[in-house]
Structure formats: structure tokens, C-alpha cells
Amino acid sequence: MLDGSEVLATKLNITVREVDGDGVVYNENTGSLHLFNNSSFFIWRCLDGTTSLDEIAKEMANHFSISELQARNDVLEFIEQLKDSELI
């Protein structure tokens, strides 16, 4: 279970394109294609290996004008999806 203090980065062999603020992510290892909406792509771009999940949630709350609690829940839920998709 994630607690927010984790610092994560995306895997290698990932191709990323931005289209109208949304993200298109191709995992070369699995051959899978993923489409991210604006908020999910925001989180994706923050996964730089130096920023904690709690810090990402704070940045997301400010950027999208939502509560930090909502942003934290969104970040943790999206991270679980990324793990399941073998993207992190």
C-alpha cells in the first residue's frame, strides 16, 4: 500500500506523445498503448524519480484547483493503475 512518501519514475522503453493536453503512452516492452486524460497525464509528467507522490498531489491540487485530499486520492489511484499496466 502506498503512503505518499514514495518517489517513482516511469519505466524505460516507453514512448510518450502529447495530443491536445492528453497523453498517449506506448509501452514497448508489452506492446500496449495507453491514453491518459489531462489530469492523468499531469501526474505522469511528474514521475521524474525525484518528486514524492505527496508533492505531486500538492502540485496537482494547485494546478486543477481541487482539494489536496482529492488530488492525493487521484494520484494514488492512478499510480496503482500504472503499476498494473507495468508502466512504473
PDB file of N, CA and C in Angstrom:
ATOM      1  N   MET A   1       0.844  -1.184   0.000  1.00  0.00           N
ATOM      2  CA  MET A   1       0.000   0.000   0.000  1.00  0.00           C
ATOM      3  C   MET A   1       0.889   1.246   0.000  1.00  0.00           C
ATOM      4  N   LEU A   2       0.580   2.170  -0.845  1.00  0.00           N
ATOM      5  CA  LEU A   2       1.334   3.410  -0.955  1.00  0.00           C
ATOM      6  C   LEU A   2       0.943   4.372   0.160  1.00  0.00           C
ATOM      7  N   ASP A   3       1.921   5.142   0.644  1.00  0.00           N
ATOM      8  CA  ASP A   3       1.594   6.119   1.683  1.00  0.00           C
ATOM      9  C   ASP A   3       1.831   7.563   1.253  1.00  0.00           C
ATOM     10  N   GLY A   4       2.314   7.782   0.048  1.00  0.00           N
ATOM     11  CA  GLY A   4       2.509   9.132  -0.463  1.00  0.00           C
ATOM     12  C   GLY A   4       3.934   9.627  -0.401  1.00  0.00           C
ATOM     13  N   SER A   5       4.764   8.984   0.405  1.00  0.00           N
ATOM     14  CA  SER A   5       6.154   9.440   0.516  1.00  0.00           C
ATOM     15  C   SER A   5       7.039   8.843  -0.580  1.00  0.00           C
ATOM     16  N   GLU A   6       6.508   7.879  -1.317  1.00  0.00           N
ATOM     17  CA  GLU A   6       7.286   7.213  -2.357  1.00  0.00           C
ATOM     18  C   GLU A   6       7.660   8.180  -3.481  1.00  0.00           C
ATOM     19  N   VAL A   7       8.814   7.906  -4.043  1.00  0.00           N
ATOM     20  CA  VAL A   7       9.301   8.633  -5.216  1.00  0.00           C
ATOM     21  C   VAL A   7       9.409   7.602  -6.329  1.00  0.00           C
ATOM     22  N   LEU A   8       8.678   7.830  -7.415  1.00  0.00           N
ATOM     23  CA  LEU A   8       8.632   6.857  -8.506  1.00  0.00           C
ATOM     24  C   LEU A   8       9.038   7.502  -9.823  1.00  0.00           C
ATOM     25  N   ALA A   9       9.448   6.663 -10.735  1.00  0.00           N
ATOM     26  CA  ALA A   9       9.769   7.123 -12.094  1.00  0.00           C
ATOM     27  C   ALA A   9       9.171   6.128 -13.080  1.00  0.00           C
ATOM     28  N   THR A  10       8.941   6.601 -14.282  1.00  0.00           N
ATOM     29  CA  THR A  10       8.399   5.737 -15.321  1.00  0.00           C
ATOM     30  C   THR A  10       9.471   4.758 -15.787  1.00  0.00           C
ATOM     31  N   LYS A  11       9.043   3.651 -16.350  1.00  0.00           N
ATOM     32  CA  LYS A  11       9.970   2.640 -16.862  1.00  0.00           C
ATOM     33  C   LYS A  11      10.634   3.128 -18.151  1.00  0.00           C
ATOM     34  N   LEU A  12      11.725   2.466 -18.481  1.00  0.00           N
ATOM     35  CA  LEU A  12      12.386   2.716 -19.754  1.00  0.00           C
ATOM     36  C   LEU A  12      11.581   2.054 -20.863  1.00  0.00           C
ATOM     37  N   ASN A  13      11.927   2.360 -22.084  1.00  0.00           N
ATOM     38  CA  ASN A  13      11.250   1.790 -23.266  1.00  0.00           C
ATOM     39  C   ASN A  13       9.781   2.187 -23.334  1.00  0.00           C
ATOM     40  N   ILE A  14       9.521   3.430 -22.972  1.00  0.00           N
ATOM     41  CA  ILE A  14       8.181   4.000 -23.044  1.00  0.00           C
ATOM     42  C   ILE A  14       8.231   5.171 -24.014  1.00  0.00           C
ATOM     43  N   THR A  15       7.319   5.199 -24.967  1.00  0.00           N
ATOM     44  CA  THR A  15       7.209   6.309 -25.902  1.00  0.00           C
ATOM     45  C   THR A  15       5.999   7.136 -25.504  1.00  0.00           C
ATOM     46  N   VAL A  16       6.197   8.459 -25.418  1.00  0.00           N
ATOM     47  CA  VAL A  16       5.138   9.354 -24.944  1.00  0.00           C
ATOM     48  C   VAL A  16       4.920  10.470 -25.960  1.00  0.00           C
ATOM     49  N   ARG A  17       3.666  10.748 -26.234  1.00  0.00           N
ATOM     50  CA  ARG A  17       3.291  11.876 -27.090  1.00  0.00           C
ATOM     51  C   ARG A  17       2.160  12.630 -26.411  1.00  0.00           C
ATOM     52  N   GLU A  18       2.178  13.938 -26.554  1.00  0.00           N
ATOM     53  CA  GLU A  18       1.096  14.774 -26.038  1.00  0.00           C
ATOM     54  C   GLU A  18       0.211  15.211 -27.198  1.00  0.00           C
ATOM     55  N   VAL A  19      -1.097  15.067 -27.014  1.00  0.00           N
ATOM     56  CA  VAL A  19      -2.064  15.463 -28.026  1.00  0.00           C
ATOM     57  C   VAL A  19      -3.150  16.275 -27.337  1.00  0.00           C
ATOM     58  N   ASP A  20      -3.169  17.575 -27.592  1.00  0.00           N
ATOM     59  CA  ASP A  20      -4.170  18.468 -27.012  1.00  0.00           C
ATOM     60  C   ASP A  20      -4.237  18.366 -25.490  1.00  0.00           C
ATOM     61  N   GLY A  21      -3.096  18.249 -24.834  1.00  0.00           N
ATOM     62  CA  GLY A  21      -3.039  18.197 -23.381  1.00  0.00           C
ATOM     63  C   GLY A  21      -3.206  16.815 -22.791  1.00  0.00           C
ATOM     64  N   ASP A  22      -3.616  15.859 -23.603  1.00  0.00           N
ATOM     65  CA  ASP A  22      -3.754  14.478 -23.151  1.00  0.00           C
ATOM     66  C   ASP A  22      -2.492  13.713 -23.540  1.00  0.00           C
ATOM     67  N   GLY A  23      -2.312  12.540 -22.973  1.00  0.00           N
ATOM     68  CA  GLY A  23      -1.119  11.762 -23.248  1.00  0.00           C
ATOM     69  C   GLY A  23      -1.409  10.452 -23.941  1.00  0.00           C
ATOM     70  N   VAL A  24      -0.525  10.100 -24.842  1.00  0.00           N
ATOM     71  CA  VAL A  24      -0.543   8.800 -25.495  1.00  0.00           C
ATOM     72  C   VAL A  24       0.773   8.131 -25.120  1.00  0.00           C
ATOM     73  N   VAL A  25       0.681   6.991 -24.448  1.00  0.00           N
ATOM     74  CA  VAL A  25       1.862   6.313 -23.925  1.00  0.00           C
ATOM     75  C   VAL A  25       1.908   4.895 -24.476  1.00  0.00           C
ATOM     76  N   TYR A  26       3.023   4.558 -25.089  1.00  0.00           N
ATOM     77  CA  TYR A  26       3.218   3.234 -25.658  1.00  0.00           C
ATOM     78  C   TYR A  26       4.313   2.515 -24.885  1.00  0.00           C
ATOM     79  N   ASN A  27       3.974   1.356 -24.348  1.00  0.00           N
ATOM     80  CA  ASN A  27       4.937   0.539 -23.622  1.00  0.00           C
ATOM     81  C   ASN A  27       5.557  -0.442 -24.612  1.00  0.00           C
ATOM     82  N   GLU A  28       6.799  -0.189 -24.966  1.00  0.00           N
ATOM     83  CA  GLU A  28       7.477  -1.018 -25.953  1.00  0.00           C
ATOM     84  C   GLU A  28       7.725  -2.431 -25.444  1.00  0.00           C
ATOM     85  N   ASN A  29       7.804  -2.604 -24.127  1.00  0.00           N
ATOM     86  CA  ASN A  29       8.040  -3.932 -23.553  1.00  0.00           C
ATOM     87  C   ASN A  29       6.829  -4.840 -23.682  1.00  0.00           C
ATOM     88  N   THR A  30       5.633  -4.279 -23.537  1.00  0.00           N
ATOM     89  CA  THR A  30       4.417  -5.090 -23.564  1.00  0.00           C
ATOM     90  C   THR A  30       3.606  -4.911 -24.846  1.00  0.00           C
ATOM     91  N   GLY A  31       3.937  -3.868 -25.621  1.00  0.00           N
ATOM     92  CA  GLY A  31       3.184  -3.575 -26.835  1.00  0.00           C
ATOM     93  C   GLY A  31       1.837  -2.938 -26.567  1.00  0.00           C
ATOM     94  N   SER A  32       1.653  -2.416 -25.357  1.00  0.00           N
ATOM     95  CA  SER A  32       0.357  -1.833 -25.000  1.00  0.00           C
ATOM     96  C   SER A  32       0.369  -0.309 -25.170  1.00  0.00           C
ATOM     97  N   LEU A  33      -0.779   0.203 -25.569  1.00  0.00           N
ATOM     98  CA  LEU A  33      -0.972   1.628 -25.784  1.00  0.00           C
ATOM     99  C   LEU A  33      -1.942   2.138 -24.721  1.00  0.00           C
ATOM    100  N   HIS A  34      -1.623   3.292 -24.128  1.00  0.00           N
ATOM    101  CA  HIS A  34      -2.433   3.859 -23.052  1.00  0.00           C
ATOM    102  C   HIS A  34      -2.758   5.310 -23.382  1.00  0.00           C
ATOM    103  N   LEU A  35      -4.004   5.685 -23.171  1.00  0.00           N
ATOM    104  CA  LEU A  35      -4.447   7.057 -23.379  1.00  0.00           C
ATOM    105  C   LEU A  35      -4.739   7.678 -22.016  1.00  0.00           C
ATOM    106  N   PHE A  36      -4.100   8.817 -21.726  1.00  0.00           N
ATOM    107  CA  PHE A  36      -4.267   9.493 -20.443  1.00  0.00           C
ATOM    108  C   PHE A  36      -4.972  10.814 -20.656  1.00  0.00           C
ATOM    109  N   ASN A  37      -5.975  11.084 -19.827  1.00  0.00           N
ATOM    110  CA  ASN A  37      -6.620  12.395 -19.888  1.00  0.00           C
ATOM    111  C   ASN A  37      -5.666  13.439 -19.306  1.00  0.00           C
ATOM    112  N   ASN A  38      -6.094  14.673 -19.302  1.00  0.00           N
ATOM    113  CA  ASN A  38      -5.241  15.786 -18.884  1.00  0.00           C
ATOM    114  C   ASN A  38      -4.705  15.604 -17.471  1.00  0.00           C
ATOM    115  N   SER A  39      -5.560  15.227 -16.519  1.00  0.00           N
ATOM    116  CA  SER A  39      -5.103  15.102 -15.130  1.00  0.00           C
ATOM    117  C   SER A  39      -4.170  13.900 -14.957  1.00  0.00           C
ATOM    118  N   SER A  40      -4.476  12.797 -15.611  1.00  0.00           N
ATOM    119  CA  SER A  40      -3.592  11.632 -15.530  1.00  0.00           C
ATOM    120  C   SER A  40      -2.243  11.929 -16.169  1.00  0.00           C
ATOM    121  N   PHE A  41      -2.258  12.641 -17.277  1.00  0.00           N
ATOM    122  CA  PHE A  41      -1.005  12.985 -17.949  1.00  0.00           C
ATOM    123  C   PHE A  41      -0.183  13.963 -17.110  1.00  0.00           C
ATOM    124  N   PHE A  42      -0.855  14.831 -16.370  1.00  0.00           N
ATOM    125  CA  PHE A  42      -0.162  15.729 -15.443  1.00  0.00           C
ATOM    126  C   PHE A  42       0.633  14.905 -14.430  1.00  0.00           C
ATOM    127  N   ILE A  43      -0.013  13.903 -13.853  1.00  0.00           N
ATOM    128  CA  ILE A  43       0.672  13.041 -12.878  1.00  0.00           C
ATOM    129  C   ILE A  43       1.829  12.322 -13.548  1.00  0.00           C
ATOM    130  N   TRP A  44       1.591  11.769 -14.723  1.00  0.00           N
ATOM    131  CA  TRP A  44       2.621  11.033 -15.460  1.00  0.00           C
ATOM    132  C   TRP A  44       3.880  11.886 -15.640  1.00  0.00           C
ATOM    133  N   ARG A  45       3.688  13.127 -16.051  1.00  0.00           N
ATOM    134  CA  ARG A  45       4.842  14.011 -16.299  1.00  0.00           C
ATOM    135  C   ARG A  45       5.605  14.324 -15.018  1.00  0.00           C
ATOM    136  N   CYS A  46       4.977  14.185 -13.861  1.00  0.00           N
ATOM    137  CA  CYS A  46       5.635  14.464 -12.585  1.00  0.00           C
ATOM    138  C   CYS A  46       6.442  13.283 -12.060  1.00  0.00           C
ATOM    139  N   LEU A  47       6.296  12.124 -12.658  1.00  0.00           N
ATOM    140  CA  LEU A  47       7.005  10.923 -12.196  1.00  0.00           C
ATOM    141  C   LEU A  47       8.438  10.947 -12.708  1.00  0.00           C
ATOM    142  N   ASP A  48       9.249  11.775 -12.061  1.00  0.00           N
ATOM    143  CA  ASP A  48      10.611  12.036 -12.526  1.00  0.00           C
ATOM    144  C   ASP A  48      11.683  11.353 -11.693  1.00  0.00           C
ATOM    145  N   GLY A  49      11.271  10.590 -10.687  1.00  0.00           N
ATOM    146  CA  GLY A  49      12.245   9.920  -9.841  1.00  0.00           C
ATOM    147  C   GLY A  49      12.785  10.791  -8.727  1.00  0.00           C
ATOM    148  N   THR A  50      12.305  12.027  -8.614  1.00  0.00           N
ATOM    149  CA  THR A  50      12.768  12.924  -7.541  1.00  0.00           C
ATOM    150  C   THR A  50      11.615  13.529  -6.733  1.00  0.00           C
ATOM    151  N   THR A  51      10.401  13.467  -7.246  1.00  0.00           N
ATOM    152  CA  THR A  51       9.253  14.107  -6.611  1.00  0.00           C
ATOM    153  C   THR A  51       8.381  13.049  -5.941  1.00  0.00           C
ATOM    154  N   SER A  52       8.065  13.255  -4.649  1.00  0.00           N
ATOM    155  CA  SER A  52       7.236  12.275  -3.945  1.00  0.00           C
ATOM    156  C   SER A  52       5.795  12.364  -4.424  1.00  0.00           C
ATOM    157  N   LEU A  53       5.054  11.310  -4.171  1.00  0.00           N
ATOM    158  CA  LEU A  53       3.649  11.293  -4.563  1.00  0.00           C
ATOM    159  C   LEU A  53       2.864  12.380  -3.841  1.00  0.00           C
ATOM    160  N   ASP A  54       3.200  12.657  -2.584  1.00  0.00           N
ATOM    161  CA  ASP A  54       2.535  13.749  -1.859  1.00  0.00           C
ATOM    162  C   ASP A  54       2.832  15.103  -2.496  1.00  0.00           C
ATOM    163  N   GLU A  55       4.059  15.296  -2.945  1.00  0.00           N
ATOM    164  CA  GLU A  55       4.410  16.547  -3.631  1.00  0.00           C
ATOM    165  C   GLU A  55       3.652  16.669  -4.953  1.00  0.00           C
ATOM    166  N   ILE A  56       3.524  15.558  -5.656  1.00  0.00           N
ATOM    167  CA  ILE A  56       2.764  15.563  -6.904  1.00  0.00           C
ATOM    168  C   ILE A  56       1.312  15.930  -6.620  1.00  0.00           C
ATOM    169  N   ALA A  57       0.750  15.381  -5.549  1.00  0.00           N
ATOM    170  CA  ALA A  57      -0.635  15.680  -5.185  1.00  0.00           C
ATOM    171  C   ALA A  57      -0.811  17.172  -4.881  1.00  0.00           C
ATOM    172  N   LYS A  58       0.148  17.767  -4.193  1.00  0.00           N
ATOM    173  CA  LYS A  58       0.068  19.206  -3.893  1.00  0.00           C
ATOM    174  C   LYS A  58       0.119  20.027  -5.177  1.00  0.00           C
ATOM    175  N   GLU A  59       1.018  19.661  -6.082  1.00  0.00           N
ATOM    176  CA  GLU A  59       1.111  20.367  -7.365  1.00  0.00           C
ATOM    177  C   GLU A  59      -0.183  20.204  -8.163  1.00  0.00           C
ATOM    178  N   MET A  60      -0.741  19.004  -8.134  1.00  0.00           N
ATOM    179  CA  MET A  60      -1.980  18.740  -8.859  1.00  0.00           C
ATOM    180  C   MET A  60      -3.140  19.541  -8.268  1.00  0.00           C
ATOM    181  N   ALA A  61      -3.227  19.610  -6.945  1.00  0.00           N
ATOM    182  CA  ALA A  61      -4.286  20.376  -6.287  1.00  0.00           C
ATOM    183  C   ALA A  61      -4.222  21.835  -6.707  1.00  0.00           C
ATOM    184  N   ASN A  62      -3.023  22.391  -6.742  1.00  0.00           N
ATOM    185  CA  ASN A  62      -2.862  23.790  -7.158  1.00  0.00           C
ATOM    186  C   ASN A  62      -3.203  23.978  -8.633  1.00  0.00           C
ATOM    187  N   HIS A  63      -2.741  23.078  -9.454  1.00  0.00           N
ATOM    188  CA  HIS A  63      -2.933  23.205 -10.905  1.00  0.00           C
ATOM    189  C   HIS A  63      -4.405  23.085 -11.310  1.00  0.00           C
ATOM    190  N   PHE A  64      -5.117  22.148 -10.683  1.00  0.00           N
ATOM    191  CA  PHE A  64      -6.501  21.877 -11.072  1.00  0.00           C
ATOM    192  C   PHE A  64      -7.530  22.488 -10.115  1.00  0.00           C
ATOM    193  N   SER A  65      -7.049  23.239  -9.117  1.00  0.00           N
ATOM    194  CA  SER A  65      -7.936  23.886  -8.134  1.00  0.00           C
ATOM    195  C   SER A  65      -8.878  22.884  -7.466  1.00  0.00           C
ATOM    196  N   ILE A  66      -8.288  21.807  -6.953  1.00  0.00           N
ATOM    197  CA  ILE A  66      -9.045  20.813  -6.199  1.00  0.00           C
ATOM    198  C   ILE A  66      -8.390  20.667  -4.827  1.00  0.00           C
ATOM    199  N   SER A  67      -9.065  19.975  -3.919  1.00  0.00           N
ATOM    200  CA  SER A  67      -8.506  19.794  -2.576  1.00  0.00           C
ATOM    201  C   SER A  67      -7.290  18.868  -2.642  1.00  0.00           C
ATOM    202  N   GLU A  68      -6.389  19.043  -1.685  1.00  0.00           N
ATOM    203  CA  GLU A  68      -5.221  18.168  -1.632  1.00  0.00           C
ATOM    204  C   GLU A  68      -5.633  16.726  -1.366  1.00  0.00           C
ATOM    205  N   LEU A  69      -6.693  16.528  -0.595  1.00  0.00           N
ATOM    206  CA  LEU A  69      -7.168  15.175  -0.321  1.00  0.00           C
ATOM    207  C   LEU A  69      -7.647  14.504  -1.607  1.00  0.00           C
ATOM    208  N   GLN A  70      -8.426  15.224  -2.404  1.00  0.00           N
ATOM    209  CA  GLN A  70      -8.899  14.668  -3.672  1.00  0.00           C
ATOM    210  C   GLN A  70      -7.721  14.384  -4.600  1.00  0.00           C
ATOM    211  N   ALA A  71      -6.780  15.312  -4.676  1.00  0.00           N
ATOM    212  CA  ALA A  71      -5.609  15.128  -5.531  1.00  0.00           C
ATOM    213  C   ALA A  71      -4.796  13.915  -5.076  1.00  0.00           C
ATOM    214  N   ARG A  72      -4.609  13.769  -3.778  1.00  0.00           N
ATOM    215  CA  ARG A  72      -3.841  12.639  -3.246  1.00  0.00           C
ATOM    216  C   ARG A  72      -4.522  11.328  -3.612  1.00  0.00           C
ATOM    217  N   ASN A  73      -5.831  11.266  -3.435  1.00  0.00           N
ATOM    218  CA  ASN A  73      -6.570  10.054  -3.797  1.00  0.00           C
ATOM    219  C   ASN A  73      -6.435   9.752  -5.283  1.00  0.00           C
ATOM    220  N   ASP A  74      -6.529  10.793  -6.105  1.00  0.00           N
ATOM    221  CA  ASP A  74      -6.391  10.612  -7.558  1.00  0.00           C
ATOM    222  C   ASP A  74      -4.994  10.109  -7.914  1.00  0.00           C
ATOM    223  N   VAL A  75      -3.971  10.690  -7.297  1.00  0.00           N
ATOM    224  CA  VAL A  75      -2.593  10.287  -7.577  1.00  0.00           C
ATOM    225  C   VAL A  75      -2.386   8.827  -7.190  1.00  0.00           C
ATOM    226  N   LEU A  76      -2.796   8.451  -5.994  1.00  0.00           N
ATOM    227  CA  LEU A  76      -2.575   7.080  -5.534  1.00  0.00           C
ATOM    228  C   LEU A  76      -3.346   6.071  -6.384  1.00  0.00           C
ATOM    229  N   GLU A  77      -4.557   6.416  -6.785  1.00  0.00           N
ATOM    230  CA  GLU A  77      -5.343   5.526  -7.646  1.00  0.00           C
ATOM    231  C   GLU A  77      -4.676   5.359  -9.008  1.00  0.00           C
ATOM    232  N   PHE A  78      -4.197   6.465  -9.570  1.00  0.00           N
ATOM    233  CA  PHE A  78      -3.541   6.400 -10.880  1.00  0.00           C
ATOM    234  C   PHE A  78      -2.239   5.606 -10.801  1.00  0.00           C
ATOM    235  N   ILE A  79      -1.497   5.754  -9.723  1.00  0.00           N
ATOM    236  CA  ILE A  79      -0.244   5.016  -9.557  1.00  0.00           C
ATOM    237  C   ILE A  79      -0.515   3.518  -9.540  1.00  0.00           C
ATOM    238  N   GLU A  80      -1.573   3.103  -8.872  1.00  0.00           N
ATOM    239  CA  GLU A  80      -1.933   1.679  -8.862  1.00  0.00           C
ATOM    240  C   GLU A  80      -2.238   1.191 -10.278  1.00  0.00           C
ATOM    241  N   GLN A  81      -2.925   2.017 -11.065  1.00  0.00           N
ATOM    242  CA  GLN A  81      -3.219   1.655 -12.453  1.00  0.00           C
ATOM    243  C   GLN A  81      -1.939   1.539 -13.270  1.00  0.00           C
ATOM    244  N   LEU A  82      -0.995   2.458 -13.025  1.00  0.00           N
ATOM    245  CA  LEU A  82       0.285   2.399 -13.737  1.00  0.00           C
ATOM    246  C   LEU A  82       1.054   1.140 -13.378  1.00  0.00           C
ATOM    247  N   LYS A  83       1.028   0.772 -12.116  1.00  0.00           N
ATOM    248  CA  LYS A  83       1.702  -0.462 -11.689  1.00  0.00           C
ATOM    249  C   LYS A  83       1.069  -1.676 -12.364  1.00  0.00           C
ATOM    250  N   ASP A  84      -0.242  -1.716 -12.378  1.00  0.00           N
ATOM    251  CA  ASP A  84      -0.955  -2.834 -13.006  1.00  0.00           C
ATOM    252  C   ASP A  84      -0.652  -2.916 -14.498  1.00  0.00           C
ATOM    253  N   SER A  85      -0.402  -1.765 -15.121  1.00  0.00           N
ATOM    254  CA  SER A  85      -0.103  -1.709 -16.557  1.00  0.00           C
ATOM    255  C   SER A  85       1.391  -1.842 -16.857  1.00  0.00           C
ATOM    256  N   GLU A  86       2.190  -2.050 -15.822  1.00  0.00           N
ATOM    257  CA  GLU A  86       3.645  -2.210 -15.948  1.00  0.00           C
ATOM    258  C   GLU A  86       4.325  -0.991 -16.570  1.00  0.00           C
ATOM    259  N   LEU A  87       3.835   0.203 -16.194  1.00  0.00           N
ATOM    260  CA  LEU A  87       4.434   1.439 -16.706  1.00  0.00           C
ATOM    261  C   LEU A  87       5.389   2.074 -15.684  1.00  0.00           C
ATOM    262  N   ILE A  88       5.298   1.633 -14.433  1.00  0.00           N
ATOM    263  CA  ILE A  88       6.249   2.084 -13.397  1.00  0.00           C
ATOM    264  C   ILE A  88       6.709   0.872 -12.605  1.00  0.00           C
TER     265      ILE A  88
END
